[in-house]
PDB file of N, CA and C in Angstrom:
ATOM      1  N   MET A   1      -4.649  13.703  -6.588  1.00  0.00           N
ATOM      2  CA  MET A   1      -5.312  12.235  -6.237  1.00  0.00           C
ATOM      3  C   MET A   1      -5.544  12.074  -4.785  1.00  0.00           C
ATOM      4  N   TYR A   2      -4.651  11.904  -3.892  1.00  0.00           N
ATOM      5  CA  TYR A   2      -4.869  12.014  -2.481  1.00  0.00           C
ATOM      6  C   TYR A   2      -3.658  12.293  -1.679  1.00  0.00           C
ATOM      7  N   ARG A   3      -3.719  12.778  -0.571  1.00  0.00           N
ATOM      8  CA  ARG A   3      -2.507  13.017   0.347  1.00  0.00           C
ATOM      9  C   ARG A   3      -2.735  12.284   1.765  1.00  0.00           C
ATOM     10  N   THR A   4      -1.735  11.470   2.112  1.00  0.00           N
ATOM     11  CA  THR A   4      -1.794  10.944   3.452  1.00  0.00           C
ATOM     12  C   THR A   4      -1.256  11.879   4.422  1.00  0.00           C
ATOM     13  N   THR A   5      -1.982  12.223   5.495  1.00  0.00           N
ATOM     14  CA  THR A   5      -1.486  13.203   6.355  1.00  0.00           C
ATOM     15  C   THR A   5      -1.100  12.521   7.725  1.00  0.00           C
ATOM     16  N   LYS A   6      -1.480  11.257   7.960  1.00  0.00           N
ATOM     17  CA  LYS A   6      -1.005  10.630   9.221  1.00  0.00           C
ATOM     18  C   LYS A   6      -0.605   9.106   8.941  1.00  0.00           C
ATOM     19  N   PHE A   7       0.236   8.708   9.564  1.00  0.00           N
ATOM     20  CA  PHE A   7       0.686   7.246   9.489  1.00  0.00           C
ATOM     21  C   PHE A   7       1.286   6.698  10.652  1.00  0.00           C
ATOM     22  N   GLU A   8       0.764   5.714  11.194  1.00  0.00           N
ATOM     23  CA  GLU A   8       1.260   5.233  12.486  1.00  0.00           C
ATOM     24  C   GLU A   8       1.558   3.506  12.231  1.00  0.00           C
ATOM     25  N   THR A   9       2.523   3.088  12.732  1.00  0.00           N
ATOM     26  CA  THR A   9       2.830   1.743  12.424  1.00  0.00           C
ATOM     27  C   THR A   9       3.579   0.934  13.610  1.00  0.00           C
ATOM     28  N   ASP A  10       3.375  -0.299  13.829  1.00  0.00           N
ATOM     29  CA  ASP A  10       4.114  -1.074  14.834  1.00  0.00           C
ATOM     30  C   ASP A  10       4.344  -2.275  14.141  1.00  0.00           C
ATOM     31  N   VAL A  11       5.457  -2.188  13.452  1.00  0.00           N
ATOM     32  CA  VAL A  11       5.947  -3.388  12.480  1.00  0.00           C
ATOM     33  C   VAL A  11       6.497  -4.534  13.285  1.00  0.00           C
ATOM     34  N   ARG A  12       5.690  -5.473  13.460  1.00  0.00           N
ATOM     35  CA  ARG A  12       5.846  -6.642  14.276  1.00  0.00           C
ATOM     36  C   ARG A  12       4.560  -7.595  13.980  1.00  0.00           C
ATOM     37  N   ILE A  13       4.762  -8.816  14.056  1.00  0.00           N
ATOM     38  CA  ILE A  13       3.652  -9.879  13.992  1.00  0.00           C
ATOM     39  C   ILE A  13       2.554  -9.366  14.940  1.00  0.00           C
ATOM     40  N   ASN A  14       1.396  -9.299  14.341  1.00  0.00           N
ATOM     41  CA  ASN A  14       0.201  -8.768  15.118  1.00  0.00           C
ATOM     42  C   ASN A  14       0.183  -7.438  15.385  1.00  0.00           C
ATOM     43  N   GLY A  15       1.182  -6.452  14.947  1.00  0.00           N
ATOM     44  CA  GLY A  15       1.320  -5.174  15.161  1.00  0.00           C
ATOM     45  C   GLY A  15       0.201  -4.501  14.175  1.00  0.00           C
ATOM     46  N   LYS A  16      -0.250  -3.262  14.557  1.00  0.00           N
ATOM     47  CA  LYS A  16      -1.234  -2.614  13.798  1.00  0.00           C
ATOM     48  C   LYS A  16      -0.578  -1.480  12.964  1.00  0.00           C
ATOM     49  N   TRP A  17      -1.228  -1.036  11.967  1.00  0.00           N
ATOM     50  CA  TRP A  17      -0.792   0.126  11.153  1.00  0.00           C
ATOM     51  C   TRP A  17      -2.027   0.880  10.713  1.00  0.00           C
ATOM     52  N   MET A  18      -1.901   2.146  10.508  1.00  0.00           N
ATOM     53  CA  MET A  18      -3.022   2.938  10.075  1.00  0.00           C
ATOM     54  C   MET A  18      -2.403   4.198   9.211  1.00  0.00           C
ATOM     55  N   SER A  19      -3.151   4.610   8.332  1.00  0.00           N
ATOM     56  CA  SER A  19      -2.629   5.746   7.590  1.00  0.00           C
ATOM     57  C   SER A  19      -4.140   6.473   7.337  1.00  0.00           C
ATOM     58  N   ALA A  20      -4.017   7.746   7.412  1.00  0.00           N
ATOM     59  CA  ALA A  20      -5.242   8.652   7.230  1.00  0.00           C
ATOM     60  C   ALA A  20      -4.870   9.764   6.311  1.00  0.00           C
ATOM     61  N   GLY A  21      -5.821  10.304   5.679  1.00  0.00           N
ATOM     62  CA  GLY A  21      -5.536  11.497   4.815  1.00  0.00           C
ATOM     63  C   GLY A  21      -6.878  12.164   4.109  1.00  0.00           C
ATOM     64  N   VAL A  22      -6.578  12.789   3.082  1.00  0.00           N
ATOM     65  CA  VAL A  22      -7.617  13.648   2.372  1.00  0.00           C
ATOM     66  C   VAL A  22      -7.587  13.232   0.917  1.00  0.00           C
ATOM     67  N   SER A  23      -8.777  12.852   0.214  1.00  0.00           N
ATOM     68  CA  SER A  23      -8.846  12.639  -1.263  1.00  0.00           C
ATOM     69  C   SER A  23      -8.686  13.823  -1.950  1.00  0.00           C
ATOM     70  N   ALA A  24      -8.828  13.653  -3.437  1.00  0.00           N
ATOM     71  CA  ALA A  24      -8.770  14.746  -4.241  1.00  0.00           C
ATOM     72  C   ALA A  24      -9.946  15.752  -4.090  1.00  0.00           C
ATOM     73  N   ASN A  25     -11.045  15.073  -3.780  1.00  0.00           N
ATOM     74  CA  ASN A  25     -12.252  15.788  -3.538  1.00  0.00           C
ATOM     75  C   ASN A  25     -12.621  16.524  -2.099  1.00  0.00           C
ATOM     76  N   GLY A  26     -11.626  16.221  -1.257  1.00  0.00           N
ATOM     77  CA  GLY A  26     -11.705  16.858   0.063  1.00  0.00           C
ATOM     78  C   GLY A  26     -12.092  15.753   1.129  1.00  0.00           C
ATOM     79  N   ASP A  27     -12.606  14.585   0.775  1.00  0.00           N
ATOM     80  CA  ASP A  27     -13.051  13.661   1.785  1.00  0.00           C
ATOM     81  C   ASP A  27     -12.013  13.013   2.454  1.00  0.00           C
ATOM     82  N   THR A  28     -12.132  12.747   3.879  1.00  0.00           N
ATOM     83  CA  THR A  28     -11.072  12.236   4.451  1.00  0.00           C
ATOM     84  C   THR A  28     -11.143  10.627   4.425  1.00  0.00           C
ATOM     85  N   PHE A  29     -10.225   9.896   4.573  1.00  0.00           N
ATOM     86  CA  PHE A  29     -10.152   8.528   4.557  1.00  0.00           C
ATOM     87  C   PHE A  29      -9.200   7.862   5.544  1.00  0.00           C
ATOM     88  N   GLN A  30      -9.350   6.609   5.776  1.00  0.00           N
ATOM     89  CA  GLN A  30      -8.478   5.967   6.649  1.00  0.00           C
ATOM     90  C   GLN A  30      -8.234   4.450   6.053  1.00  0.00           C
ATOM     91  N   VAL A  31      -7.035   3.919   6.149  1.00  0.00           N
ATOM     92  CA  VAL A  31      -6.648   2.640   5.691  1.00  0.00           C
ATOM     93  C   VAL A  31      -5.889   2.055   7.035  1.00  0.00           C
ATOM     94  N   SER A  32      -6.147   0.829   7.318  1.00  0.00           N
ATOM     95  CA  SER A  32      -5.569   0.152   8.367  1.00  0.00           C
ATOM     96  C   SER A  32      -5.421  -1.208   8.287  1.00  0.00           C
ATOM     97  N   GLY A  33      -4.687  -1.788   9.082  1.00  0.00           N
ATOM     98  CA  GLY A  33      -4.403  -3.400   9.030  1.00  0.00           C
ATOM     99  C   GLY A  33      -3.656  -3.919  10.002  1.00  0.00           C
ATOM    100  N   GLU A  34      -3.132  -5.096  10.064  1.00  0.00           N
ATOM    101  CA  GLU A  34      -2.312  -5.740  10.929  1.00  0.00           C
ATOM    102  C   GLU A  34      -1.290  -6.578  10.232  1.00  0.00           C
ATOM    103  N   TYR A  35      -0.104  -6.501  10.846  1.00  0.00           N
ATOM    104  CA  TYR A  35       1.109  -7.307  10.198  1.00  0.00           C
ATOM    105  C   TYR A  35       0.948  -8.795  10.408  1.00  0.00           C
ATOM    106  N   LEU A  36       1.051  -9.534   9.382  1.00  0.00           N
ATOM    107  CA  LEU A  36       0.916 -11.028   9.617  1.00  0.00           C
ATOM    108  C   LEU A  36       2.220 -11.629   9.377  1.00  0.00           C
ATOM    109  N   GLU A  37       3.156 -11.118   8.646  1.00  0.00           N
ATOM    110  CA  GLU A  37       4.637 -11.700   8.587  1.00  0.00           C
ATOM    111  C   GLU A  37       5.419 -10.552   8.383  1.00  0.00           C
ATOM    112  N   VAL A  38       6.655 -10.590   9.074  1.00  0.00           N
ATOM    113  CA  VAL A  38       7.645  -9.556   9.041  1.00  0.00           C
ATOM    114  C   VAL A  38       8.892 -10.229   8.944  1.00  0.00           C
ATOM    115  N   ASP A  39       9.459 -10.338   7.668  1.00  0.00           N
ATOM    116  CA  ASP A  39      10.808 -11.029   7.486  1.00  0.00           C
ATOM    117  C   ASP A  39      11.789 -10.104   6.647  1.00  0.00           C
ATOM    118  N   PRO A  40      12.269  -8.976   7.149  1.00  0.00           N
ATOM    119  CA  PRO A  40      13.164  -8.074   6.626  1.00  0.00           C
ATOM    120  C   PRO A  40      14.545  -8.891   6.258  1.00  0.00           C
ATOM    121  N   PRO A  41      14.962  -8.588   4.968  1.00  0.00           N
ATOM    122  CA  PRO A  41      14.555  -7.721   4.080  1.00  0.00           C
ATOM    123  C   PRO A  41      13.791  -8.534   2.820  1.00  0.00           C
ATOM    124  N   HIS A  42      13.231  -9.681   3.199  1.00  0.00           N
ATOM    125  CA  HIS A  42      12.728 -10.498   2.010  1.00  0.00           C
ATOM    126  C   HIS A  42      11.011 -10.391   2.128  1.00  0.00           C
ATOM    127  N   ARG A  43      10.405 -10.257   3.059  1.00  0.00           N
ATOM    128  CA  ARG A  43       8.903 -10.229   2.943  1.00  0.00           C
ATOM    129  C   ARG A  43       8.220  -9.405   4.084  1.00  0.00           C
ATOM    130  N   LEU A  44       7.155  -8.829   3.582  1.00  0.00           N
ATOM    131  CA  LEU A  44       6.063  -8.171   4.544  1.00  0.00           C
ATOM    132  C   LEU A  44       4.773  -8.568   4.120  1.00  0.00           C
ATOM    133  N   VAL A  45       3.973  -9.033   5.066  1.00  0.00           N
ATOM    134  CA  VAL A  45       2.467  -9.358   4.738  1.00  0.00           C
ATOM    135  C   VAL A  45       1.693  -8.606   5.728  1.00  0.00           C
ATOM    136  N   TYR A  46       0.651  -7.953   5.298  1.00  0.00           N
ATOM    137  CA  TYR A  46      -0.243  -7.239   6.218  1.00  0.00           C
ATOM    138  C   TYR A  46      -1.687  -7.390   5.597  1.00  0.00           C
ATOM    139  N   THR A  47      -2.674  -7.112   6.422  1.00  0.00           N
ATOM    140  CA  THR A  47      -4.139  -7.033   6.006  1.00  0.00           C
ATOM    141  C   THR A  47      -4.227  -5.495   5.629  1.00  0.00           C
ATOM    142  N   TRP A  48      -5.366  -5.342   4.841  1.00  0.00           N
ATOM    143  CA  TRP A  48      -5.583  -3.904   4.262  1.00  0.00           C
ATOM    144  C   TRP A  48      -7.067  -3.673   4.318  1.00  0.00           C
ATOM    145  N   LEU A  49      -7.486  -2.694   5.078  1.00  0.00           N
ATOM    146  CA  LEU A  49      -9.040  -2.361   5.195  1.00  0.00           C
ATOM    147  C   LEU A  49      -9.197  -0.806   5.166  1.00  0.00           C
ATOM    148  N   ALA A  50      -9.978  -0.503   4.120  1.00  0.00           N
ATOM    149  CA  ALA A  50     -10.108   0.976   3.903  1.00  0.00           C
ATOM    150  C   ALA A  50     -11.483   1.524   4.153  1.00  0.00           C
ATOM    151  N   THR A  51     -11.621   2.746   4.727  1.00  0.00           N
ATOM    152  CA  THR A  51     -13.037   3.140   4.907  1.00  0.00           C
ATOM    153  C   THR A  51     -13.950   3.278   3.577  1.00  0.00           C
ATOM    154  N   TRP A  52     -13.286   3.368   2.656  1.00  0.00           N
ATOM    155  CA  TRP A  52     -14.090   3.473   1.418  1.00  0.00           C
ATOM    156  C   TRP A  52     -14.635   2.237   0.724  1.00  0.00           C
ATOM    157  N   THR A  53     -14.108   0.969   1.218  1.00  0.00           N
ATOM    158  CA  THR A  53     -14.379  -0.308   0.589  1.00  0.00           C
ATOM    159  C   THR A  53     -15.282  -1.151   1.424  1.00  0.00           C
ATOM    160  N   GLY A  54     -15.972  -0.529   2.568  1.00  0.00           N
ATOM    161  CA  GLY A  54     -16.863  -1.446   3.252  1.00  0.00           C
ATOM    162  C   GLY A  54     -16.220  -2.557   4.039  1.00  0.00           C
ATOM    163  N   ALA A  55     -16.658  -3.675   3.818  1.00  0.00           N
ATOM    164  CA  ALA A  55     -16.182  -4.906   4.591  1.00  0.00           C
ATOM    165  C   ALA A  55     -15.005  -5.642   3.964  1.00  0.00           C
ATOM    166  N   LEU A  56     -14.655  -5.081   2.584  1.00  0.00           N
ATOM    167  CA  LEU A  56     -13.373  -5.701   1.954  1.00  0.00           C
ATOM    168  C   LEU A  56     -12.191  -5.570   2.726  1.00  0.00           C
ATOM    169  N   LYS A  57     -11.572  -6.646   3.007  1.00  0.00           N
ATOM    170  CA  LYS A  57     -10.309  -6.665   3.735  1.00  0.00           C
ATOM    171  C   LYS A  57      -9.560  -7.584   2.915  1.00  0.00           C
ATOM    172  N   THR A  58      -8.285  -7.080   2.461  1.00  0.00           N
ATOM    173  CA  THR A  58      -7.497  -7.914   1.619  1.00  0.00           C
ATOM    174  C   THR A  58      -6.061  -8.205   2.336  1.00  0.00           C
ATOM    175  N   THR A  59      -5.343  -9.055   1.872  1.00  0.00           N
ATOM    176  CA  THR A  59      -4.020  -9.259   2.427  1.00  0.00           C
ATOM    177  C   THR A  59      -2.913  -8.921   1.393  1.00  0.00           C
ATOM    178  N   VAL A  60      -2.080  -8.118   1.677  1.00  0.00           N
ATOM    179  CA  VAL A  60      -0.943  -7.682   0.806  1.00  0.00           C
ATOM    180  C   VAL A  60       0.224  -8.257   1.190  1.00  0.00           C
ATOM    181  N   ARG A  61       1.014  -8.907   0.276  1.00  0.00           N
ATOM    182  CA  ARG A  61       2.367  -9.608   0.404  1.00  0.00           C
ATOM    183  C   ARG A  61       3.243  -8.828  -0.378  1.00  0.00           C
ATOM    184  N   TRP A  62       4.436  -8.311   0.106  1.00  0.00           N
ATOM    185  CA  TRP A  62       5.487  -7.790  -0.579  1.00  0.00           C
ATOM    186  C   TRP A  62       6.618  -8.798  -0.435  1.00  0.00           C
ATOM    187  N   ASP A  63       7.157  -9.225  -1.649  1.00  0.00           N
ATOM    188  CA  ASP A  63       8.412 -10.088  -1.621  1.00  0.00           C
ATOM    189  C   ASP A  63       9.430  -9.271  -2.412  1.00  0.00           C
ATOM    190  N   LEU A  64      10.705  -9.246  -1.766  1.00  0.00           N
ATOM    191  CA  LEU A  64      11.713  -8.435  -2.050  1.00  0.00           C
ATOM    192  C   LEU A  64      12.844  -9.480  -2.524  1.00  0.00           C
ATOM    193  N   GLU A  65      13.551  -9.347  -3.679  1.00  0.00           N
ATOM    194  CA  GLU A  65      14.504 -10.326  -4.185  1.00  0.00           C
ATOM    195  C   GLU A  65      15.700  -9.482  -4.799  1.00  0.00           C
ATOM    196  N   PRO A  66      16.921  -9.664  -4.341  1.00  0.00           N
ATOM    197  CA  PRO A  66      18.075  -9.075  -5.050  1.00  0.00           C
ATOM    198  C   PRO A  66      17.956  -9.373  -6.672  1.00  0.00           C
ATOM    199  N   HIS A  67      18.254  -8.401  -7.418  1.00  0.00           N
ATOM    200  CA  HIS A  67      18.034  -8.458  -8.857  1.00  0.00           C
ATOM    201  C   HIS A  67      19.161  -7.643  -9.506  1.00  0.00           C
ATOM    202  N   HIS A  68      20.075  -8.171 -10.163  1.00  0.00           N
ATOM    203  CA  HIS A  68      21.093  -7.467 -10.856  1.00  0.00           C
ATOM    204  C   HIS A  68      21.675  -6.262  -9.871  1.00  0.00           C
ATOM    205  N   ASP A  69      21.582  -5.178 -10.190  1.00  0.00           N
ATOM    206  CA  ASP A  69      22.089  -3.974  -9.441  1.00  0.00           C
ATOM    207  C   ASP A  69      21.000  -3.421  -8.422  1.00  0.00           C
ATOM    208  N   GLY A  70      19.863  -4.089  -8.233  1.00  0.00           N
ATOM    209  CA  GLY A  70      18.791  -3.491  -7.589  1.00  0.00           C
ATOM    210  C   GLY A  70      17.929  -4.663  -6.774  1.00  0.00           C
ATOM    211  N   THR A  71      16.721  -4.210  -6.681  1.00  0.00           N
ATOM    212  CA  THR A  71      15.784  -5.221  -5.987  1.00  0.00           C
ATOM    213  C   THR A  71      14.538  -5.367  -6.762  1.00  0.00           C
ATOM    214  N   LEU A  72      14.204  -6.562  -6.996  1.00  0.00           N
ATOM    215  CA  LEU A  72      12.961  -7.067  -7.561  1.00  0.00           C
ATOM    216  C   LEU A  72      11.779  -6.969  -6.608  1.00  0.00           C
ATOM    217  N   VAL A  73      10.765  -6.279  -6.918  1.00  0.00           N
ATOM    218  CA  VAL A  73       9.571  -6.026  -5.908  1.00  0.00           C
ATOM    219  C   VAL A  73       8.302  -6.821  -6.552  1.00  0.00           C
ATOM    220  N   LYS A  74       7.892  -7.743  -5.838  1.00  0.00           N
ATOM    221  CA  LYS A  74       6.656  -8.551  -6.193  1.00  0.00           C
ATOM    222  C   LYS A  74       5.625  -8.169  -5.136  1.00  0.00           C
ATOM    223  N   ILE A  75       4.413  -7.725  -5.631  1.00  0.00           N
ATOM    224  CA  ILE A  75       3.341  -7.445  -4.653  1.00  0.00           C
ATOM    225  C   ILE A  75       2.119  -8.399  -5.025  1.00  0.00           C
ATOM    226  N   HIS A  76       1.602  -8.966  -4.183  1.00  0.00           N
ATOM    227  CA  HIS A  76       0.496  -9.918  -4.272  1.00  0.00           C
ATOM    228  C   HIS A  76      -0.635  -9.439  -3.294  1.00  0.00           C
ATOM    229  N   ASP A  77      -1.807  -8.925  -3.963  1.00  0.00           N
ATOM    230  CA  ASP A  77      -3.050  -8.429  -3.091  1.00  0.00           C
ATOM    231  C   ASP A  77      -4.097  -9.298  -3.336  1.00  0.00           C
ATOM    232  N   SER A  78      -4.480 -10.013  -2.185  1.00  0.00           N
ATOM    233  CA  SER A  78      -5.543 -11.090  -2.316  1.00  0.00           C
ATOM    234  C   SER A  78      -6.744 -10.950  -1.477  1.00  0.00           C
ATOM    235  N   GLY A  79      -7.689 -11.733  -1.711  1.00  0.00           N
ATOM    236  CA  GLY A  79      -9.019 -11.577  -0.808  1.00  0.00           C
ATOM    237  C   GLY A  79     -10.114 -10.823  -1.462  1.00  0.00           C
ATOM    238  N   PHE A  80     -10.247 -10.787  -2.821  1.00  0.00           N
ATOM    239  CA  PHE A  80     -11.269 -10.232  -3.518  1.00  0.00           C
ATOM    240  C   PHE A  80     -12.382 -10.966  -3.862  1.00  0.00           C
ATOM    241  N   ALA A  81     -12.513 -12.224  -3.272  1.00  0.00           N
ATOM    242  CA  ALA A  81     -13.703 -13.065  -3.610  1.00  0.00           C
ATOM    243  C   ALA A  81     -15.025 -12.271  -3.248  1.00  0.00           C
ATOM    244  N   GLY A  82     -15.817 -12.166  -4.361  1.00  0.00           N
ATOM    245  CA  GLY A  82     -17.127 -11.517  -4.055  1.00  0.00           C
ATOM    246  C   GLY A  82     -16.988 -10.013  -4.357  1.00  0.00           C
ATOM    247  N   HIS A  83     -15.931  -9.380  -4.653  1.00  0.00           N
ATOM    248  CA  HIS A  83     -15.724  -7.935  -4.851  1.00  0.00           C
ATOM    249  C   HIS A  83     -14.829  -7.764  -6.002  1.00  0.00           C
ATOM    250  N   ALA A  84     -15.486  -8.409  -7.249  1.00  0.00           N
ATOM    251  CA  ALA A  84     -14.731  -8.139  -8.406  1.00  0.00           C
ATOM    252  C   ALA A  84     -14.505  -6.716  -8.903  1.00  0.00           C
ATOM    253  N   ASP A  85     -15.498  -5.864  -8.588  1.00  0.00           N
ATOM    254  CA  ASP A  85     -15.491  -4.401  -8.944  1.00  0.00           C
ATOM    255  C   ASP A  85     -14.273  -3.820  -8.227  1.00  0.00           C
ATOM    256  N   ALA A  86     -13.737  -4.140  -7.124  1.00  0.00           N
ATOM    257  CA  ALA A  86     -12.704  -3.602  -6.284  1.00  0.00           C
ATOM    258  C   ALA A  86     -11.292  -4.081  -6.974  1.00  0.00           C
ATOM    259  N   VAL A  87     -11.160  -5.116  -7.688  1.00  0.00           N
ATOM    260  CA  VAL A  87      -9.853  -5.455  -8.236  1.00  0.00           C
ATOM    261  C   VAL A  87      -9.406  -4.461  -9.165  1.00  0.00           C
ATOM    262  N   LYS A  88     -10.198  -3.987 -10.108  1.00  0.00           N
ATOM    263  CA  LYS A  88      -9.727  -2.846 -10.952  1.00  0.00           C
ATOM    264  C   LYS A  88      -9.249  -1.735 -10.218  1.00  0.00           C
ATOM    265  N   SER A  89     -10.004  -1.171  -9.201  1.00  0.00           N
ATOM    266  CA  SER A  89      -9.533   0.036  -8.530  1.00  0.00           C
ATOM    267  C   SER A  89      -8.270  -0.218  -7.702  1.00  0.00           C
ATOM    268  N   HIS A  90      -8.126  -1.415  -7.192  1.00  0.00           N
ATOM    269  CA  HIS A  90      -6.865  -1.777  -6.434  1.00  0.00           C
ATOM    270  C   HIS A  90      -5.704  -1.816  -7.395  1.00  0.00           C
ATOM    271  N   GLY A  91      -5.869  -2.375  -8.561  1.00  0.00           N
ATOM    272  CA  GLY A  91      -4.873  -2.469  -9.562  1.00  0.00           C
ATOM    273  C   GLY A  91      -4.458  -1.101 -10.053  1.00  0.00           C
ATOM    274  N   GLU A  92      -5.346  -0.211 -10.181  1.00  0.00           N
ATOM    275  CA  GLU A  92      -5.009   1.254 -10.617  1.00  0.00           C
ATOM    276  C   GLU A  92      -4.304   1.926  -9.537  1.00  0.00           C
ATOM    277  N   GLY A  93      -4.766   1.624  -8.248  1.00  0.00           N
ATOM    278  CA  GLY A  93      -4.072   2.257  -7.049  1.00  0.00           C
ATOM    279  C   GLY A  93      -2.748   1.807  -6.842  1.00  0.00           C
ATOM    280  N   TRP A  94      -2.334   0.434  -7.249  1.00  0.00           N
ATOM    281  CA  TRP A  94      -1.158  -0.064  -7.071  1.00  0.00           C
ATOM    282  C   TRP A  94      -0.121   0.465  -8.140  1.00  0.00           C
ATOM    283  N   GLN A  95      -0.790   0.733  -9.368  1.00  0.00           N
ATOM    284  CA  GLN A  95       0.137   1.378 -10.371  1.00  0.00           C
ATOM    285  C   GLN A  95       0.566   2.707  -9.834  1.00  0.00           C
ATOM    286  N   HIS A  96      -0.205   3.447  -9.385  1.00  0.00           N
ATOM    287  CA  HIS A  96      -0.087   4.939  -8.918  1.00  0.00           C
ATOM    288  C   HIS A  96       1.092   4.961  -7.808  1.00  0.00           C
ATOM    289  N   VAL A  97       0.770   3.979  -6.791  1.00  0.00           N
ATOM    290  CA  VAL A  97       1.796   3.868  -5.680  1.00  0.00           C
ATOM    291  C   VAL A  97       3.091   3.418  -6.179  1.00  0.00           C
ATOM    292  N   LEU A  98       3.122   2.497  -6.940  1.00  0.00           N
ATOM    293  CA  LEU A  98       4.501   2.065  -7.496  1.00  0.00           C
ATOM    294  C   LEU A  98       5.208   3.008  -8.331  1.00  0.00           C
ATOM    295  N   SER A  99       4.383   3.825  -9.169  1.00  0.00           N
ATOM    296  CA  SER A  99       5.084   4.761  -9.964  1.00  0.00           C
ATOM    297  C   SER A  99       5.655   6.055  -8.999  1.00  0.00           C
ATOM    298  N   TRP A 100       4.940   6.229  -7.927  1.00  0.00           N
ATOM    299  CA  TRP A 100       5.303   7.111  -7.046  1.00  0.00           C
ATOM    300  C   TRP A 100       6.774   6.719  -6.368  1.00  0.00           C
ATOM    301  N   VAL A 101       6.668   5.480  -5.926  1.00  0.00           N
ATOM    302  CA  VAL A 101       7.880   4.969  -5.165  1.00  0.00           C
ATOM    303  C   VAL A 101       9.085   4.983  -6.270  1.00  0.00           C
ATOM    304  N   GLN A 102       8.795   4.656  -7.470  1.00  0.00           N
ATOM    305  CA  GLN A 102       9.866   4.654  -8.575  1.00  0.00           C
ATOM    306  C   GLN A 102      10.455   6.043  -8.769  1.00  0.00           C
ATOM    307  N   ALA A 103       9.572   7.042  -8.806  1.00  0.00           N
ATOM    308  CA  ALA A 103       9.878   8.445  -9.097  1.00  0.00           C
ATOM    309  C   ALA A 103      10.656   8.862  -7.719  1.00  0.00           C
ATOM    310  N   SER A 104      10.296   8.475  -6.541  1.00  0.00           N
ATOM    311  CA  SER A 104      11.094   8.916  -5.476  1.00  0.00           C
ATOM    312  C   SER A 104      12.453   8.400  -5.552  1.00  0.00           C
ATOM    313  N   VAL A 105      12.634   7.153  -5.728  1.00  0.00           N
ATOM    314  CA  VAL A 105      13.857   6.541  -5.695  1.00  0.00           C
ATOM    315  C   VAL A 105      14.836   7.010  -6.811  1.00  0.00           C
ATOM    316  N   GLU A 106      14.242   6.994  -7.973  1.00  0.00           N
ATOM    317  CA  GLU A 106      15.008   7.401  -9.191  1.00  0.00           C
ATOM    318  C   GLU A 106      15.254   8.913  -9.359  1.00  0.00           C
ATOM    319  N   LYS A 107      14.247   9.727  -8.940  1.00  0.00           N
ATOM    320  CA  LYS A 107      14.514  11.145  -9.258  1.00  0.00           C
ATOM    321  C   LYS A 107      14.335  12.037  -8.073  1.00  0.00           C
ATOM    322  N   GLY A 108      14.082  11.451  -6.928  1.00  0.00           N
ATOM    323  CA  GLY A 108      13.937  12.187  -5.680  1.00  0.00           C
ATOM    324  C   GLY A 108      12.623  12.999  -5.527  1.00  0.00           C
ATOM    325  N   GLN A 109      11.761  12.564  -6.371  1.00  0.00           N
ATOM    326  CA  GLN A 109      10.411  13.319  -6.360  1.00  0.00           C
ATOM    327  C   GLN A 109       9.482  13.094  -5.087  1.00  0.00           C
ATOM    328  N   THR A 110       8.912  13.970  -4.748  1.00  0.00           N
ATOM    329  CA  THR A 110       8.032  13.956  -3.530  1.00  0.00           C
ATOM    330  C   THR A 110       6.481  14.356  -3.947  1.00  0.00           C
ATOM    331  N   ILE A 111       5.559  14.268  -3.215  1.00  0.00           N
ATOM    332  CA  ILE A 111       4.222  14.569  -3.623  1.00  0.00           C
ATOM    333  C   ILE A 111       4.201  16.021  -4.025  1.00  0.00           C
ATOM    334  N   ASP A 112       5.101  16.885  -3.526  1.00  0.00           N
ATOM    335  CA  ASP A 112       5.045  18.263  -3.721  1.00  0.00           C
ATOM    336  C   ASP A 112       5.980  18.698  -5.097  1.00  0.00           C
ATOM    337  N   THR A 113       6.638  17.716  -5.618  1.00  0.00           N
ATOM    338  CA  THR A 113       7.390  17.976  -6.645  1.00  0.00           C
ATOM    339  C   THR A 113       7.205  17.131  -7.982  1.00  0.00           C
ATOM    340  N   ARG A 114       6.370  15.985  -7.727  1.00  0.00           N
ATOM    341  CA  ARG A 114       5.804  15.339  -8.988  1.00  0.00           C
ATOM    342  C   ARG A 114       4.765  16.054  -9.603  1.00  0.00           C
ATOM    343  N   ASN A 115       4.745  15.658 -11.021  1.00  0.00           N
ATOM    344  CA  ASN A 115       3.666  16.284 -11.974  1.00  0.00           C
ATOM    345  C   ASN A 115       2.425  15.505 -11.626  1.00  0.00           C
TER     346      ASN A 115
END
């Protein structure tokens, strides 16, 4: 799929973040944004702008809540007005990312050990 090779972050209100990497076909990419809300361990909100999406800039909100013996994670990615085509690809992307997080937490898998 893709491999992130660089990640920089300044986790504070107005702090910047950036990740860069290589896609499955060898193209380079970069995703960046700014932190809008930082409330550990409850909420993280940031903007998201990728080199492959043009001017589309979304806002991602992670809400974390205690749930039984674990944590309930709720993610809301907004700002797609006028970009209906991007909704599907973002949804598919979140499914991949969350399955990777789950595999890491539950099975200790990394990008090099997952199928």
